[in-house]
Protein backbone atom coordinates (compact mmCIF):
# COMPACT_ATOMS: atom_id res chain seq x y z
CA MET A 1 2.46 -9.31 235.50
CA ALA A 2 4.42 -6.18 234.13
CA ILE A 3 6.15 -5.44 231.29
CA VAL A 4 9.43 -3.78 231.29
CA SER A 5 11.60 -1.93 228.75
CA GLY A 6 14.61 -4.29 227.75
CA ARG A 7 18.37 -3.34 227.40
CA PHE A 8 20.28 -4.32 223.72
CA TRP A 9 18.28 -3.38 221.00
CA GLN A 10 18.12 -0.86 218.02
CA LYS A 11 15.92 1.10 215.83
CA MET A 12 15.89 -0.01 212.15
CA ASP A 13 15.41 2.24 209.20
CA ASP A 14 12.65 -0.27 208.09
CA GLY A 15 11.04 0.56 211.31
CA ARG A 16 10.91 -2.79 212.97
CA VAL A 17 13.52 -3.09 216.14
CA ARG A 18 16.31 -5.42 216.16
CA CYS A 19 16.73 -7.35 219.63
CA GLU A 20 20.73 -7.65 220.63
CA LEU A 21 20.73 -9.69 223.67
CA CYS A 22 21.56 -12.92 222.05
CA PRO A 23 22.59 -14.12 218.68
CA ARG A 24 19.04 -14.78 217.15
CA PHE A 25 19.58 -11.03 216.99
CA CYS A 26 15.89 -10.97 216.06
CA GLN A 27 14.20 -8.41 213.47
CA LEU A 28 10.94 -7.47 214.75
CA ARG A 29 7.57 -5.46 214.42
CA GLU A 30 5.58 -4.07 216.31
CA GLY A 31 3.83 -6.53 218.24
CA LYS A 32 5.74 -9.26 217.10
CA ARG A 33 7.83 -11.65 219.83
CA GLY A 34 11.14 -12.44 219.58
CA ALA A 35 12.53 -16.76 219.34
CA CYS A 36 12.65 -16.73 222.91
CA PHE A 37 8.85 -16.25 223.11
CA VAL A 38 9.03 -13.39 225.99
CA ARG A 39 10.65 -10.67 224.24
CA GLN A 40 8.20 -8.20 222.41
CA ALA A 41 8.53 -5.37 220.30
CA LEU A 42 5.87 -2.53 221.49
CA GLU A 43 5.90 0.80 221.25
CA GLY A 44 9.53 0.98 219.34
CA GLU A 45 11.50 -0.86 221.32
CA ILE A 46 11.90 -4.48 223.00
CA LYS A 47 10.19 -5.08 226.18
CA LEU A 48 10.19 -8.50 228.38
CA VAL A 49 6.50 -8.95 228.70
CA SER A 50 7.22 -11.53 231.53
CA TYR A 51 9.13 -9.48 234.11
CA GLY A 52 7.74 -10.48 238.43
CA ARG A 53 6.37 -13.73 236.91
CA SER A 54 8.07 -17.04 237.54
CA SER A 55 6.61 -20.80 236.62
CA GLY A 56 7.41 -21.54 239.95
CA PHE A 57 9.30 -21.56 243.25
CA CYS A 58 11.61 -24.57 245.03
CA ILE A 59 14.52 -24.99 247.57
CA ASP A 60 17.00 -27.17 245.86
CA PRO A 61 20.73 -28.46 246.82
CA ILE A 62 23.01 -26.60 245.15
CA GLU A 63 24.66 -29.84 243.93
CA LYS A 64 21.08 -30.18 241.67
CA LYS A 65 22.39 -26.74 239.21
CA PRO A 66 24.94 -28.59 238.94
CA LEU A 67 27.47 -26.71 240.77
CA ASN A 68 29.74 -29.35 243.17
CA HIS A 69 32.38 -26.67 243.98
CA PHE A 70 30.19 -23.26 245.03
CA TYR A 71 29.53 -24.05 248.68
CA PRO A 72 28.63 -27.59 248.65
CA GLY A 73 25.45 -28.80 250.88
CA THR A 74 23.59 -25.31 250.89
CA PRO A 75 20.23 -24.92 249.49
CA VAL A 76 19.52 -22.88 246.79
CA LEU A 77 16.46 -21.36 245.87
CA SER A 78 15.74 -21.90 242.11
CA PHE A 79 13.09 -20.25 239.54
CA GLY A 80 12.96 -19.56 236.27
CA THR A 81 10.43 -18.14 233.76
CA ALA A 82 9.03 -19.47 230.58
CA GLY A 83 10.46 -19.63 226.65
CA CYS A 84 14.19 -20.22 225.65
CA ASN A 85 16.27 -18.52 223.13
CA LEU A 86 17.62 -21.99 221.73
CA SER A 87 14.77 -24.36 220.40
CA CYS A 88 16.67 -27.92 221.44
CA LYS A 89 14.86 -31.20 220.51
CA PHE A 90 16.05 -32.66 223.67
CA CYS A 91 15.09 -30.03 226.03
CA GLN A 92 14.50 -32.14 229.44
CA ASN A 93 12.59 -28.84 230.76
CA TRP A 94 10.59 -28.54 227.70
CA SER A 95 7.58 -27.88 229.35
CA ILE A 96 9.18 -23.98 230.58
CA SER A 97 11.18 -23.57 227.83
CA LYS A 98 8.92 -24.23 225.02
CA SER A 99 6.01 -22.78 226.80
CA ARG A 100 4.02 -20.49 224.45
CA GLN A 101 0.94 -19.84 226.91
CA LEU A 102 2.00 -17.35 229.77
CA ASP A 103 -0.39 -19.10 231.70
CA THR A 104 2.94 -21.36 233.22
CA LEU A 105 3.81 -18.38 235.07
CA ALA A 106 1.89 -18.76 237.23
CA SER A 107 3.53 -17.43 240.18
CA GLU A 108 4.35 -13.80 240.96
CA ALA A 109 7.31 -12.40 242.92
CA SER A 110 8.93 -9.49 243.18
CA PRO A 111 12.95 -9.24 243.35
CA GLU A 112 12.64 -8.27 246.90
CA ALA A 113 9.76 -10.80 248.19
CA ILE A 114 12.39 -13.44 246.54
CA ALA A 115 15.58 -12.19 248.72
CA ALA A 116 13.08 -12.45 251.41
CA THR A 117 11.90 -15.88 251.00
CA ALA A 118 15.41 -17.04 250.33
CA GLN A 119 16.54 -15.34 253.66
CA ARG A 120 14.04 -16.63 255.70
CA TYR A 121 14.93 -20.64 254.79
CA ASP A 122 18.67 -19.71 255.01
CA CYS A 123 19.25 -20.48 251.19
CA ARG A 124 23.06 -19.72 250.62
CA SER A 125 21.63 -18.53 247.29
CA VAL A 126 19.42 -17.66 244.04
CA ALA A 127 19.51 -19.94 240.68
CA PHE A 128 17.68 -18.60 237.63
CA THR A 129 17.35 -22.08 235.85
CA TYR A 130 14.81 -24.23 234.74
CA ASN A 131 14.65 -22.10 231.66
CA ASP A 132 17.50 -20.10 230.22
CA PRO A 133 18.33 -16.73 232.69
CA VAL A 134 19.47 -14.79 229.55
CA ILE A 135 16.04 -14.19 227.55
CA PHE A 136 14.92 -12.48 231.51
CA TYR A 137 17.43 -10.77 232.28
CA GLU A 138 15.91 -7.74 233.20
CA TYR A 139 14.03 -9.36 235.99
CA ALA A 140 17.04 -11.71 236.89
CA ARG A 141 19.29 -8.44 236.88
CA ASP A 142 17.08 -7.15 239.80
CA VAL A 143 16.36 -9.87 241.55
CA ALA A 144 20.46 -10.21 242.08
CA GLN A 145 20.85 -6.59 243.31
CA ALA A 146 18.28 -7.48 245.79
CA CYS A 147 20.32 -10.93 246.79
CA HIS A 148 23.16 -8.67 247.15
CA GLU A 149 21.88 -6.46 249.48
CA ARG A 150 21.51 -9.48 251.64
CA ARG A 151 24.15 -11.18 250.75
CA ILE A 152 22.95 -13.63 249.76
CA ASN A 153 24.59 -15.72 246.13
CA THR A 154 23.54 -15.69 242.57
CA VAL A 155 23.64 -18.59 240.22
CA ALA A 156 22.70 -19.18 236.96
CA VAL A 157 22.09 -22.16 234.59
CA THR A 158 22.54 -20.86 230.97
CA ALA A 159 23.29 -22.16 227.71
CA GLY A 160 25.84 -18.96 227.26
CA TYR A 161 23.54 -17.61 224.15
CA ILE A 162 24.71 -14.12 224.44
CA SER A 163 25.82 -11.72 221.96
CA ASP A 164 29.10 -10.14 222.61
CA GLN A 165 27.49 -6.87 223.54
CA ALA A 166 25.52 -7.92 226.01
CA ARG A 167 27.70 -10.88 227.60
CA ALA A 168 28.90 -8.44 230.41
CA ALA A 169 25.81 -7.20 231.27
CA VAL A 170 24.38 -10.63 231.91
CA PHE A 171 26.93 -12.11 234.11
CA GLU A 172 28.15 -8.30 236.05
CA GLU A 173 25.67 -9.59 239.14
CA ILE A 174 26.12 -13.60 239.28
CA ASP A 175 28.15 -15.09 241.40
CA ALA A 176 28.46 -18.83 239.93
CA VAL A 177 27.64 -20.29 236.86
CA ASN A 178 27.01 -23.21 235.36
CA VAL A 179 27.30 -23.53 231.18
CA ASP A 180 25.30 -25.98 229.54
CA LEU A 181 27.78 -27.10 226.66
CA LYS A 182 25.52 -29.26 224.58
CA ALA A 183 28.20 -30.54 222.23
CA PHE A 184 31.40 -29.61 220.82
CA SER A 185 30.45 -29.46 217.10
CA SER A 186 28.32 -27.02 214.83
CA ARG A 187 26.75 -29.21 213.41
CA PHE A 188 24.93 -30.60 216.46
CA TYR A 189 23.91 -26.72 217.67
CA ARG A 190 22.16 -26.07 214.06
CA ARG A 191 20.57 -29.65 213.65
CA LEU A 192 19.51 -30.04 217.25
CA CYS A 193 19.75 -26.88 219.14
CA ALA A 194 19.07 -24.65 215.66
CA GLY A 195 21.84 -22.50 217.30
CA GLU A 196 25.78 -21.93 216.99
CA LEU A 197 28.49 -23.21 218.81
CA ALA A 198 31.05 -20.26 218.61
CA PRO A 199 29.18 -18.02 220.75
CA VAL A 200 28.60 -20.31 223.55
CA LEU A 201 32.23 -20.82 223.58
CA ASP A 202 33.04 -17.25 223.49
CA THR A 203 30.75 -17.11 226.74
CA LEU A 204 32.84 -19.31 228.44
CA LYS A 205 36.40 -18.01 227.57
CA TYR A 206 34.71 -14.93 229.31
CA LEU A 207 33.07 -15.98 232.56
CA TYR A 208 36.45 -17.67 232.90
CA HIS A 209 38.96 -15.01 232.20
CA GLU A 210 36.97 -11.84 232.35
CA SER A 211 34.56 -12.61 235.37
CA ASN A 212 34.31 -12.98 238.83
CA CYS A 213 32.28 -16.08 238.46
CA TRP A 214 32.62 -19.33 239.47
CA LEU A 215 32.31 -21.19 236.71
CA GLU A 216 31.79 -25.22 235.96
CA ILE A 217 30.06 -26.98 232.82
CA THR A 218 27.44 -29.63 232.02
CA THR A 219 27.40 -31.46 228.54
CA LEU A 220 24.73 -33.40 228.44
CA LEU A 221 25.21 -36.42 226.49
CA ILE A 222 23.12 -37.73 223.75
CA PRO A 223 23.86 -41.53 222.75
CA GLY A 224 25.02 -41.07 218.74
CA GLU A 225 25.28 -37.49 218.42
CA ASN A 226 27.73 -36.24 220.90
CA ASP A 227 29.30 -39.17 222.74
CA SER A 228 31.82 -40.35 220.20
CA ASP A 229 35.52 -40.43 221.32
CA GLN A 230 37.01 -38.50 218.63
CA GLU A 231 34.49 -35.36 219.98
CA LEU A 232 34.97 -35.97 223.91
CA HIS A 233 38.67 -35.27 223.26
CA ALA A 234 38.26 -32.04 221.19
CA MET A 235 36.30 -30.88 223.82
CA CYS A 236 38.37 -31.35 226.74
CA GLN A 237 41.76 -30.84 225.16
CA TRP A 238 39.52 -27.33 224.00
CA LEU A 239 38.52 -26.86 227.61
CA VAL A 240 42.17 -26.99 228.92
CA ALA A 241 43.89 -25.26 226.39
CA GLN A 242 41.76 -22.45 226.81
CA LEU A 243 39.90 -22.48 230.09
CA GLY A 244 42.09 -24.57 232.35
CA ALA A 245 42.51 -27.97 233.82
CA ASP A 246 40.25 -26.94 237.21
CA VAL A 247 37.52 -25.96 235.79
CA PRO A 248 34.88 -28.92 236.37
CA LEU A 249 32.90 -30.72 233.83
CA HIS A 250 29.84 -32.94 234.74
CA PHE A 251 28.69 -35.43 231.88
CA SER A 252 24.99 -36.30 232.59
CA ALA A 253 23.02 -38.98 231.19
CA PHE A 254 20.36 -37.93 228.54
CA HIS A 255 17.13 -39.49 228.74
CA PRO A 256 14.43 -39.84 226.03
CA ASP A 257 11.88 -36.74 225.54
CA PHE A 258 10.36 -34.01 224.03
CA LYS A 259 11.57 -34.31 220.11
CA MET A 260 14.02 -37.38 221.18
CA ALA A 261 11.31 -39.49 222.46
CA THR A 262 12.84 -42.32 220.93
CA THR A 263 16.59 -41.89 221.49
CA PRO A 264 17.91 -44.52 223.96
CA ALA A 265 18.89 -43.37 227.52
CA THR A 266 22.96 -42.90 228.13
CA PRO A 267 24.12 -45.61 229.17
CA ALA A 268 26.09 -45.33 232.37
CA ALA A 269 29.46 -46.67 231.12
CA THR A 270 29.23 -43.69 228.49
CA LEU A 271 29.41 -41.20 231.48
CA LEU A 272 32.03 -42.85 232.17
CA ARG A 273 34.19 -43.48 229.24
CA ALA A 274 33.49 -40.16 228.68
CA ARG A 275 34.91 -39.15 232.19
CA ASP A 276 37.95 -40.95 231.74
CA ILE A 277 38.54 -39.42 228.38
CA ALA A 278 38.21 -36.03 230.34
CA LYS A 279 40.52 -37.07 233.12
CA VAL A 280 43.12 -37.97 230.39
CA GLU A 281 43.11 -34.61 228.97
CA GLY A 282 43.99 -33.09 231.62
CA LEU A 283 40.91 -32.37 233.89
CA GLN A 284 40.94 -32.41 237.15
CA HIS A 285 37.30 -32.88 238.17
CA VAL A 286 34.96 -34.58 236.91
CA TYR A 287 31.63 -35.26 237.59
CA VAL A 288 28.62 -37.65 236.29
CA GLY A 289 25.07 -36.98 236.36
CA ASN A 290 21.89 -38.01 235.96
CA VAL A 291 22.98 -42.05 237.03
CA HIS A 292 23.72 -43.00 240.96
CA HIS A 293 27.69 -43.67 240.89
CA PRO A 294 28.73 -41.94 244.29
CA SER A 295 32.59 -42.61 243.24
CA ALA A 296 32.25 -40.81 240.18
CA SER A 297 29.69 -37.78 241.94
CA SER A 298 33.01 -37.40 244.66
CA THR A 299 35.42 -35.16 244.59
CA TYR A 300 39.21 -36.13 244.75
CA CYS A 301 42.54 -33.98 245.43
CA HIS A 302 43.93 -33.20 241.78
CA HIS A 303 47.86 -33.74 243.41
CA CYS A 304 47.34 -36.45 246.10
CA GLY A 305 44.14 -38.64 244.77
CA GLU A 306 42.48 -38.67 248.35
CA LEU A 307 39.15 -38.26 248.71
CA LEU A 308 37.98 -34.28 249.47
CA ILE A 309 33.80 -34.91 249.86
CA GLU A 310 31.81 -37.68 249.42
CA ARG A 311 28.57 -37.28 247.41
CA ASP A 312 26.01 -40.03 246.98
CA TRP A 313 23.28 -38.66 244.61
CA TYR A 314 23.21 -34.73 246.33
CA GLN A 315 23.61 -36.47 249.95
CA LEU A 316 27.12 -35.17 251.38
CA GLY A 317 29.16 -37.66 253.47
CA LYS A 318 32.82 -37.96 254.32
CA TRP A 319 34.86 -34.13 254.02
CA HIS A 320 38.30 -33.57 253.80
CA VAL A 321 38.61 -29.93 253.52
CA ASN A 322 40.29 -27.45 255.16
CA ARG A 323 39.93 -23.56 254.20
CA GLY A 324 39.46 -24.61 250.86
CA CYS A 325 42.51 -26.74 250.56
CA CYS A 326 43.22 -30.78 250.22
CA GLU A 327 43.00 -31.86 254.63
CA HIS A 328 45.15 -34.59 253.42
CA CYS A 329 48.26 -32.35 251.20
CA GLY A 330 47.49 -29.20 251.08
CA THR A 331 46.72 -28.46 248.06
CA PRO A 332 44.20 -25.60 246.96
CA LEU A 333 41.14 -26.96 245.70
CA ALA A 334 39.62 -24.95 243.15
CA GLY A 335 35.98 -23.52 243.85
CA HIS A 336 33.78 -21.55 247.28
CA PHE A 337 34.33 -23.77 250.53
CA ASP A 338 33.03 -22.68 254.08
CA ARG A 339 34.98 -24.89 256.67
CA SER A 340 31.87 -27.39 257.20
CA PRO A 341 29.07 -28.51 254.81
CA GLY A 342 25.92 -27.39 254.38
CA SER A 343 23.32 -30.16 255.67
CA TRP A 344 20.73 -29.45 253.23
CA GLY A 345 21.17 -32.82 251.79
CA ARG A 346 18.62 -34.43 248.72
CA LYS A 347 15.34 -32.31 250.25
CA ARG A 348 13.65 -30.50 247.15
CA LEU A 349 10.81 -28.10 248.79
CA PRO A 350 8.29 -26.49 246.59
CA LEU A 351 7.07 -23.35 247.81
CA LYS A 352 5.56 -20.22 246.87
CA ILE A 353 6.15 -16.71 247.81
């Protein structure tokens, strides 16, 4: 496992090193690790100590990220590392994101090997996921550059918890992003994530208005925590006003896990209620996830209402998209689409590199 010099840090007068990659701004003495676990003060600078190592590789459908408007039906080579810069009590990937053991990083692969493997399996994209790619920025950047040399897209699945000074660099080599907007409440972020809401909103505005990344958003709805009508209306109003009505929004079902194992799972009715609220507020493309509901997982034309992309879990059915437009009325559909859908379906293929 390689240790490489990181970006976005500065030395302090008292000998500590301040990491400036995320809003935590960890101030570390020699040998100490940041809250993310994988960035460490070594030799008077911040270094990434997990470069080139992964918790595993798997080929997934792109819809699993979830991205419904980015080359639907195509396969994506997915991987993550260890650690995270948030401390969500409800984390669904806690065995990876909360790992404090580098033994979690059992798979080793160079950026070139990852890109070559993606090409060999005809993957349209490579995704940095399972834990947040912000904390392994240098590795993700090098993988992204290797992928782009082979004309393979890159996807970041992130909480968007990034500092102002690092934001542009983190997304410079990324083609599509799904941001996990965990709630629309500062109290929720502080109490359940040990973070702040404002930097995430800044990331969303940057991605939509200043980057070339395709953006979709996911909110995991937790009963009694972030699923009130008032909060959902406020969130959707903000999304329409600050970003745009065409940003796809995914409401995903929580299941009991990690430090919230006694919290009940999210009923499907809650997701559908949230979807109705989002559509009332003007969002054009709203989906539900982690539940089986084909109609609420499919894509419709926001102008004429006709079905454009039929989904049953991650399996695509009817396809009425012609050159990125509704086949029925000609209205453009926001996103990136091929002439025909991919055929990867629901397959999940773990592999070693």
